[in-house]
Structures are given as structure tokens and as C-alpha cells.
Protein backbone atom coordinates (compact mmCIF):
# COMPACT_ATOMS: atom_id res chain seq x y z
CA MET A 1 7.52 2.51 -13.07
CA ARG A 2 10.85 1.77 -11.28
CA GLU A 3 9.18 2.30 -7.92
CA ILE A 4 6.45 -0.15 -8.80
CA PHE A 5 9.06 -2.74 -9.78
CA LEU A 6 11.07 -2.11 -6.57
CA ALA A 7 7.97 -2.42 -4.37
CA LEU A 8 7.09 -5.66 -6.04
CA ILE A 9 10.62 -7.13 -5.48
CA ALA A 10 10.52 -5.98 -1.85
CA GLY A 11 7.17 -7.58 -1.34
CA ILE A 12 8.25 -10.86 -2.83
CA ILE A 13 11.41 -10.85 -0.63
CA VAL A 14 9.42 -10.07 2.62
CA GLY A 15 6.73 -12.76 1.72
CA ALA A 16 9.42 -15.39 1.12
CA VAL A 17 11.32 -14.48 4.29
CA PHE A 18 8.05 -14.74 6.38
CA LYS A 19 7.25 -18.18 4.83
CA VAL A 20 10.74 -19.52 5.52
CA VAL A 21 10.58 -18.31 9.15
CA ARG A 22 6.95 -19.74 9.30
CA LEU A 23 5.32 -16.59 10.41
CA PRO A 24 1.86 -15.42 9.10
CA LEU A 25 2.11 -13.12 6.07
CA PRO A 26 2.03 -9.45 7.13
CA ALA A 27 -0.83 -8.60 4.83
CA PRO A 28 -4.69 -8.24 5.27
CA PRO A 29 -6.98 -10.40 3.19
CA VAL A 30 -6.77 -9.59 -0.42
CA PHE A 31 -10.01 -7.66 -0.99
CA ALA A 32 -9.79 -5.81 2.35
CA GLY A 33 -6.23 -4.78 1.53
CA ILE A 34 -7.22 -3.47 -1.92
CA VAL A 35 -10.10 -1.55 -0.41
CA GLY A 36 -7.70 -0.14 2.28
CA ILE A 37 -5.24 1.03 -0.31
CA VAL A 38 -7.88 2.70 -2.36
CA GLY A 39 -9.19 4.41 0.78
CA VAL A 40 -5.73 5.81 1.64
CA TRP A 41 -5.37 7.02 -1.92
CA LEU A 42 -8.76 8.70 -1.90
CA GLY A 43 -8.17 10.29 1.46
CA GLY A 44 -4.91 11.71 0.33
CA THR A 45 -6.30 13.04 -2.91
CA ALA A 46 -9.30 14.59 -1.15
CA ALA A 47 -7.03 16.22 1.55
CA SER A 48 -4.74 17.69 -1.24
CA ALA A 49 -7.77 19.02 -3.09
CA LEU A 50 -9.21 20.58 0.01
CA MET A 51 -5.88 22.18 1.13
CA GLU A 52 -5.41 23.64 -2.36
CA LYS A 53 -8.98 25.01 -2.37
CA ILE A 54 -8.51 26.55 1.17
CA LEU A 55 -4.93 27.79 0.82
CA GLY A 56 -5.31 28.93 -2.69
């Protein structure tokens, strides 16, 4: 839970700094970003399962 809180705080700080400096936010559109995160998680989970199955 602590890691989630720290990630949220870091994201808020980065977002605020980018707005103050008037740069575009370093994030994809909301839905595309969520789908990308889910894809990364699924790929990592599948790779772990495959490696466990192959290596025993």
C-alpha cells in the first residue's frame, strides 16, 4: 500500500511541475494508458507462468 501512495504522490508532483513549466503532460490518453498498463501486467504474468512451466 505504501508503494501505491508513493507512486501517487510522485505522479502528482510530476504533473504539477509539468504544468508549471507549461509542458505537455507525460502521459498517454487515459483509456490507452490503462490498456497499456494492463497489457504490461498480463505480459509479465504470462512470462512468469511460462518460465515456471518450462524451468520447473
